[in-house]
């Protein structure tokens, strides 16, 4: 790279690529690509995430026992995804206009965003371990934990997430004319490597826990819903690795010296834009895979859609029947 300023602008986790004046490394098309694609895709993710996660919260608050640890995890995951989502409109604005919202809001948005990011990762790890224990040792006290245990788990999750995200308050700042992000390569590397570490930890837990769950399900005696459960597990793992794998590889490569080569830098930034879109869509996919995959919930949803087509949406039949959304992996139930 030709200048230190350019290096700072293009190595951020949320980079806003400024117009680089060197004729030998013109990135105008890259800037236009990010400015058009990112806000459009973020808008879709925001709408889907708000709809799915708010619906999860409504179901849990109105119909469920929030002292149950499974419900506690799901409720916190929805809150975490909403926090993550809250930062997306600001990043969409950033890509279109640069940062024009001042330093305090820059710090606040980054902090909230990273707390949402880390809490979501930690919750997915705990939910995976909990499902593993529920299948391998269903009589364990951990499976049926509730009350104080749920409160303690919630406090630990958010304290650790806040601690993990707090360095952002020291490394992030606004620079003229329109930059909001890490103010040094050291800060950027800290943010990148911490995300990489969380991805590696989550990957290890996913592979180890779900592989043993699969081994248990594939051995006799056969379970009635074994095939559907196996398909769901494979779906969870594929979505996780396809979504987060490329993104973590790209942000790691962007911290290396190869990113100083002009064409390599351009290629990495294109890959960064695309892989980030896949990764950040997790906040609207989590409700689908961790709550709404229950067979009975899908039946209930079909009835709602049929009624919407035949009558008006005010005659939703959820007051005339009692259905149960059953988790296919842990055996926990969500009653409506």
Protein backbone atom coordinates (compact mmCIF):
# COMPACT_ATOMS: atom_id res chain seq x y z
CA UNK A 1 0.00 0.00 0.00
CA UNK A 2 1.23 3.47 -0.85
CA UNK A 3 0.30 5.34 2.35
CA UNK A 4 -0.31 4.63 6.03
CA UNK A 5 -3.66 6.41 5.82
CA UNK A 6 -4.87 4.05 3.15
CA UNK A 7 -3.70 1.08 5.18
CA UNK A 8 -5.80 2.22 8.13
CA UNK A 9 -8.89 2.77 6.02
CA UNK A 10 -8.92 -0.64 4.43
CA UNK A 11 -8.05 -3.02 7.24
CA UNK A 12 -11.03 -2.47 9.47
CA UNK A 13 -13.59 -5.07 10.41
CA UNK A 14 -16.13 -2.58 9.11
CA UNK A 15 -14.06 -0.76 6.55
CA UNK A 16 -15.24 2.20 4.59
CA UNK A 17 -12.90 2.24 1.60
CA UNK A 18 -11.98 5.82 0.81
CA UNK A 19 -11.24 6.92 -2.73
CA UNK A 20 -7.64 6.09 -3.34
CA UNK A 21 -5.97 8.59 -5.66
CA UNK A 22 -3.09 6.50 -6.91
CA UNK A 23 -3.74 5.89 -10.61
CA UNK A 24 -2.00 2.52 -10.36
CA UNK A 25 -4.47 1.31 -7.73
CA UNK A 26 -7.84 2.81 -8.49
CA UNK A 27 -10.51 1.38 -6.21
CA UNK A 28 -13.47 3.43 -7.39
CA UNK A 29 -15.34 0.38 -8.65
CA UNK A 30 -14.77 -1.38 -5.30
CA UNK A 31 -16.17 1.62 -3.42
CA UNK A 32 -19.25 1.70 -5.64
CA UNK A 33 -19.71 -2.06 -5.26
CA UNK A 34 -19.71 -1.84 -1.45
CA UNK A 35 -21.89 1.28 -1.36
CA UNK A 36 -24.59 -0.39 -3.49
CA UNK A 37 -24.54 -4.00 -2.28
CA UNK A 38 -24.05 -3.59 1.47
CA UNK A 39 -27.00 -1.25 2.34
CA UNK A 40 -29.40 -3.28 0.17
CA UNK A 41 -28.46 -6.61 1.76
CA UNK A 42 -28.32 -5.16 5.28
CA UNK A 43 -31.87 -3.80 4.80
CA UNK A 44 -33.13 -7.32 4.05
CA UNK A 45 -31.27 -8.81 7.03
CA UNK A 46 -32.59 -6.10 9.36
CA UNK A 47 -36.21 -6.70 8.36
CA UNK A 48 -35.96 -10.49 8.68
CA UNK A 49 -34.02 -10.31 11.94
CA UNK A 50 -36.48 -7.91 13.58
CA UNK A 51 -39.45 -10.02 12.51
CA UNK A 52 -37.98 -13.38 13.54
CA UNK A 53 -36.36 -12.37 16.82
CA UNK A 54 -39.25 -10.23 18.05
CA UNK A 55 -41.61 -13.12 17.27
CA UNK A 56 -39.37 -15.40 19.36
CA UNK A 57 -39.51 -12.96 22.28
CA UNK A 58 -43.31 -12.68 22.06
CA UNK A 59 -43.73 -16.47 22.09
CA UNK A 60 -41.38 -16.91 25.03
CA UNK A 61 -42.78 -14.09 27.16
CA UNK A 62 -46.45 -14.92 26.55
CA UNK A 63 -46.41 -18.70 26.59
CA UNK A 64 -43.24 -20.06 28.14
CA UNK A 65 -41.54 -20.66 31.46
CA UNK A 66 -38.57 -18.29 31.26
CA UNK A 67 -36.93 -19.99 34.25
CA UNK A 68 -36.18 -23.03 32.07
CA UNK A 69 -32.54 -22.82 30.98
CA UNK A 70 -33.31 -23.75 27.36
CA UNK A 71 -35.81 -20.91 27.11
CA UNK A 72 -33.30 -18.63 28.82
CA UNK A 73 -30.69 -19.40 26.16
CA UNK A 74 -33.14 -18.83 23.32
CA UNK A 75 -34.42 -15.58 24.83
CA UNK A 76 -30.87 -14.28 25.26
CA UNK A 77 -29.95 -15.36 21.73
CA UNK A 78 -32.88 -13.34 20.38
CA UNK A 79 -31.82 -10.29 22.42
CA UNK A 80 -28.22 -10.75 21.25
CA UNK A 81 -29.28 -10.95 17.61
CA UNK A 82 -31.35 -7.79 18.02
CA UNK A 83 -28.32 -5.99 19.47
CA UNK A 84 -26.23 -7.17 16.53
CA UNK A 85 -28.96 -6.04 14.16
CA UNK A 86 -29.13 -2.60 15.80
CA UNK A 87 -25.70 -1.77 14.40
CA UNK A 88 -26.48 -2.67 10.79
CA UNK A 89 -28.44 0.50 9.84
CA UNK A 90 -25.46 2.61 10.96
CA UNK A 91 -23.02 0.54 8.92
CA UNK A 92 -25.31 0.79 5.90
CA UNK A 93 -25.33 4.58 6.33
CA UNK A 94 -21.54 4.47 6.72
CA UNK A 95 -21.08 2.72 3.39
CA UNK A 96 -23.27 5.20 1.57
CA UNK A 97 -22.17 8.50 3.12
CA UNK A 98 -19.14 7.90 5.33
CA UNK A 99 -19.34 8.46 9.09
CA UNK A 100 -21.16 11.73 9.76
CA UNK A 101 -22.64 10.89 13.19
CA UNK A 102 -19.86 11.95 15.56
CA UNK A 103 -17.40 10.17 17.85
CA UNK A 104 -19.75 9.25 20.77
CA UNK A 105 -22.17 7.45 18.47
CA UNK A 106 -19.25 5.77 16.66
CA UNK A 107 -18.05 4.31 19.98
CA UNK A 108 -21.56 3.36 21.09
CA UNK A 109 -22.49 1.62 17.83
CA UNK A 110 -19.22 -0.33 17.71
CA UNK A 111 -19.53 -1.37 21.36
CA UNK A 112 -23.17 -2.51 21.09
CA UNK A 113 -22.43 -4.30 17.85
CA UNK A 114 -19.48 -6.25 19.25
CA UNK A 115 -21.32 -7.16 22.47
CA UNK A 116 -24.10 -8.56 20.28
CA UNK A 117 -21.54 -10.40 18.15
CA UNK A 118 -19.70 -12.04 21.07
CA UNK A 119 -22.81 -12.86 23.10
CA UNK A 120 -24.33 -14.60 20.08
CA UNK A 121 -21.21 -16.73 19.67
CA UNK A 122 -21.05 -17.65 23.36
CA UNK A 123 -24.75 -18.52 23.41
CA UNK A 124 -24.42 -20.81 20.38
CA UNK A 125 -21.59 -22.61 22.18
CA UNK A 126 -23.64 -23.06 25.38
CA UNK A 127 -26.75 -24.16 23.46
CA UNK A 128 -24.70 -26.73 21.54
CA UNK A 129 -23.16 -28.12 24.74
CA UNK A 130 -26.59 -28.20 26.40
CA UNK A 131 -28.08 -30.16 23.48
CA UNK A 132 -25.13 -32.54 23.58
CA UNK A 133 -25.71 -33.25 27.28
CA UNK A 134 -29.47 -33.62 26.68
CA UNK A 135 -28.86 -36.35 24.09
CA UNK A 136 -25.89 -38.13 25.71
CA UNK A 137 -27.04 -37.87 29.32
CA UNK A 138 -30.71 -36.80 29.41
CA UNK A 139 -30.97 -37.39 33.18
CA UNK A 140 -28.27 -34.83 33.96
CA UNK A 141 -29.22 -31.97 36.30
CA UNK A 142 -27.90 -29.53 33.69
CA UNK A 143 -30.64 -30.53 31.26
CA UNK A 144 -33.43 -29.62 33.68
CA UNK A 145 -31.69 -26.64 35.28
CA UNK A 146 -33.93 -23.64 35.96
CA UNK A 147 -34.45 -20.67 38.24
CA UNK A 148 -31.19 -19.45 39.79
CA UNK A 149 -29.09 -21.45 37.32
CA UNK A 150 -30.71 -19.63 34.40
CA UNK A 151 -30.08 -16.25 36.03
CA UNK A 152 -26.43 -17.08 36.74
CA UNK A 153 -25.92 -18.31 33.17
CA UNK A 154 -27.45 -15.11 31.78
CA UNK A 155 -25.28 -12.86 33.97
CA UNK A 156 -22.09 -14.74 33.03
CA UNK A 157 -22.88 -14.60 29.30
CA UNK A 158 -23.42 -10.85 29.28
CA UNK A 159 -20.53 -9.99 31.61
CA UNK A 160 -18.09 -11.98 29.46
CA UNK A 161 -19.54 -10.46 26.27
CA UNK A 162 -19.24 -6.91 27.63
CA UNK A 163 -15.64 -7.56 28.70
CA UNK A 164 -14.83 -8.99 25.26
CA UNK A 165 -16.33 -5.99 23.49
CA UNK A 166 -15.06 -3.25 25.83
CA UNK A 167 -11.60 -2.79 24.22
CA UNK A 168 -13.46 -1.35 21.23
CA UNK A 169 -14.02 1.76 23.36
CA UNK A 170 -10.24 2.32 23.45
CA UNK A 171 -9.29 1.30 19.91
CA UNK A 172 -12.11 2.91 17.90
CA UNK A 173 -12.39 6.57 17.01
CA UNK A 174 -13.58 8.96 14.31
CA UNK A 175 -11.06 10.41 11.87
CA UNK A 176 -11.78 13.20 9.41
CA UNK A 177 -13.38 13.47 7.04
CA UNK A 178 -15.68 10.44 7.37
CA UNK A 179 -13.96 7.49 9.05
CA UNK A 180 -15.16 5.47 12.08
CA UNK A 181 -13.13 2.42 13.09
CA UNK A 182 -9.92 1.15 14.66
CA UNK A 183 -7.33 3.89 14.87
CA UNK A 184 -4.30 1.60 14.50
CA UNK A 185 -3.21 -1.65 12.91
CA UNK A 186 -2.73 -3.10 16.42
CA UNK A 187 -6.34 -2.42 17.30
CA UNK A 188 -7.52 -3.91 14.04
CA UNK A 189 -5.46 -7.05 14.63
CA UNK A 190 -6.87 -7.38 18.14
CA UNK A 191 -10.42 -7.22 16.78
CA UNK A 192 -9.67 -9.65 13.97
CA UNK A 193 -7.81 -12.26 16.00
CA UNK A 194 -10.42 -12.21 18.76
CA UNK A 195 -13.13 -12.92 16.17
CA UNK A 196 -10.95 -15.68 14.72
CA UNK A 197 -10.49 -17.20 18.18
CA UNK A 198 -14.25 -17.20 18.81
CA UNK A 199 -14.84 -18.84 15.42
CA UNK A 200 -12.25 -21.55 16.13
CA UNK A 201 -13.68 -22.22 19.61
CA UNK A 202 -17.23 -22.41 18.24
CA UNK A 203 -16.09 -24.69 15.41
CA UNK A 204 -14.41 -27.10 17.83
CA UNK A 205 -17.52 -27.25 20.03
CA UNK A 206 -19.83 -27.69 17.03
CA UNK A 207 -17.79 -30.47 15.46
CA UNK A 208 -17.15 -32.35 18.70
CA UNK A 209 -20.67 -32.12 20.12
CA UNK A 210 -22.69 -32.62 16.95
CA UNK A 211 -20.48 -35.47 15.70
CA UNK A 212 -21.13 -37.37 18.95
CA UNK A 213 -24.84 -36.54 18.78
CA UNK A 214 -24.92 -37.94 15.25
CA UNK A 215 -23.14 -41.10 16.35
CA UNK A 216 -25.71 -41.58 19.11
CA UNK A 217 -28.65 -40.97 16.76
CA UNK A 218 -27.33 -43.31 14.08
CA UNK A 219 -26.97 -46.22 16.48
CA UNK A 220 -29.94 -48.44 17.43
CA UNK A 221 -32.46 -48.24 18.83
CA UNK A 222 -33.62 -46.00 15.99
CA UNK A 223 -35.53 -42.92 16.94
CA UNK A 224 -38.73 -41.89 15.27
CA UNK A 225 -37.45 -38.51 14.15
CA UNK A 226 -33.84 -39.51 13.65
CA UNK A 227 -33.62 -38.64 9.95
CA UNK A 228 -35.09 -35.17 10.41
CA UNK A 229 -32.81 -34.51 13.37
CA UNK A 230 -29.72 -35.61 11.42
CA UNK A 231 -30.70 -33.34 8.53
CA UNK A 232 -31.18 -30.43 10.92
CA UNK A 233 -27.75 -30.98 12.48
CA UNK A 234 -26.08 -31.04 9.07
CA UNK A 235 -27.98 -27.88 8.11
CA UNK A 236 -26.84 -26.09 11.27
CA UNK A 237 -23.21 -27.01 10.66
CA UNK A 238 -23.22 -26.18 6.95
CA UNK A 239 -24.88 -22.80 7.51
CA UNK A 240 -22.42 -21.99 10.30
CA UNK A 241 -19.27 -22.89 8.35
CA UNK A 242 -20.41 -21.45 5.01
CA UNK A 243 -21.44 -18.25 6.77
CA UNK A 244 -18.54 -17.68 9.14
CA UNK A 245 -15.69 -19.67 7.56
CA UNK A 246 -14.94 -17.46 4.50
CA UNK A 247 -15.42 -14.27 6.53
CA UNK A 248 -12.87 -15.31 9.17
CA UNK A 249 -10.37 -16.38 6.53
CA UNK A 250 -10.71 -13.06 4.69
CA UNK A 251 -10.40 -10.80 7.75
CA UNK A 252 -7.33 -12.80 8.82
CA UNK A 253 -5.70 -12.41 5.38
CA UNK A 254 -6.40 -8.67 5.49
CA UNK A 255 -4.07 -8.37 8.50
CA UNK A 256 -1.15 -9.93 6.61
CA UNK A 257 1.44 -8.18 4.46
CA UNK A 258 -0.06 -9.63 1.25
CA UNK A 259 -2.88 -7.10 1.63
CA UNK A 260 -0.35 -4.35 0.82
CA UNK A 261 -0.26 -5.47 -2.82
CA UNK A 262 -2.76 -3.37 -4.76
CA UNK A 263 -4.61 -6.08 -6.72
CA UNK A 264 -4.54 -8.44 -3.75
CA UNK A 265 -6.02 -5.70 -1.58
CA UNK A 266 -8.81 -5.11 -4.11
CA UNK A 267 -9.57 -8.83 -4.36
CA UNK A 268 -9.60 -9.20 -0.56
CA UNK A 269 -11.98 -6.28 -0.18
CA UNK A 270 -14.39 -7.74 -2.73
CA UNK A 271 -14.22 -11.06 -0.86
CA UNK A 272 -14.67 -9.18 2.41
CA UNK A 273 -17.89 -7.50 1.26
CA UNK A 274 -19.43 -10.77 0.05
CA UNK A 275 -18.30 -12.98 2.95
CA UNK A 276 -19.43 -10.37 5.48
CA UNK A 277 -22.94 -10.40 4.03
CA UNK A 278 -23.11 -14.18 4.48
CA UNK A 279 -21.74 -14.01 8.03
CA UNK A 280 -23.95 -11.19 9.24
CA UNK A 281 -27.10 -12.89 8.01
CA UNK A 282 -26.79 -15.21 11.04
CA UNK A 283 -28.89 -12.80 13.12
CA UNK A 284 -31.95 -13.52 10.97
CA UNK A 285 -31.20 -17.24 10.50
CA UNK A 286 -30.80 -18.13 14.20
CA UNK A 287 -34.56 -17.92 14.93
CA UNK A 288 -35.27 -20.24 12.01
CA UNK A 289 -32.82 -22.98 12.97
CA UNK A 290 -32.94 -22.76 16.76
CA UNK A 291 -36.68 -22.18 17.31
CA UNK A 292 -38.88 -22.43 14.25
CA UNK A 293 -37.77 -25.83 12.94
CA UNK A 294 -40.24 -27.66 15.20
CA UNK A 295 -42.69 -29.78 13.22
CA UNK A 296 -45.73 -28.60 15.15
CA UNK A 297 -44.77 -24.95 14.78
CA UNK A 298 -44.55 -25.40 11.01
CA UNK A 299 -48.03 -26.95 11.09
CA UNK A 300 -49.29 -24.02 13.10
CA UNK A 301 -47.70 -21.56 10.65
CA UNK A 302 -49.35 -23.29 7.70
CA UNK A 303 -52.74 -22.96 9.38
CA UNK A 304 -52.11 -19.24 9.92
CA UNK A 305 -51.19 -18.77 6.26
CA UNK A 306 -54.27 -20.69 5.12
CA UNK A 307 -56.50 -18.53 7.31
CA UNK A 308 -54.85 -15.37 5.98
CA UNK A 309 -55.74 -16.51 2.48
CA UNK A 310 -59.33 -17.45 3.32
CA UNK A 311 -60.35 -14.85 5.89
CA UNK A 312 -58.58 -11.91 7.50
CA UNK A 313 -55.47 -12.14 9.64
CA UNK A 314 -57.40 -11.27 12.80
CA UNK A 315 -58.90 -14.76 12.91
CA UNK A 316 -55.60 -16.51 13.56
CA UNK A 317 -56.53 -19.85 15.16
CA UNK A 318 -53.92 -19.76 17.90
CA UNK A 319 -56.66 -19.09 20.47
CA UNK A 320 -58.70 -22.11 19.45
CA UNK A 321 -56.03 -24.72 19.70
CA UNK A 322 -53.04 -25.54 21.83
CA UNK A 323 -49.94 -26.49 19.90
CA UNK A 324 -46.43 -27.28 21.03
CA UNK A 325 -43.20 -26.29 19.38
CA UNK A 326 -40.81 -29.12 20.09
CA UNK A 327 -37.06 -28.82 19.90
CA UNK A 328 -35.82 -31.74 17.81
CA UNK A 329 -32.51 -32.00 19.54
CA UNK A 330 -32.93 -31.33 23.23
CA UNK A 331 -36.45 -32.51 23.89
CA UNK A 332 -37.46 -29.13 25.37
CA UNK A 333 -40.92 -27.81 24.47
CA UNK A 334 -42.35 -24.40 23.70
CA UNK A 335 -46.10 -24.35 24.31
CA UNK A 336 -48.49 -21.95 22.65
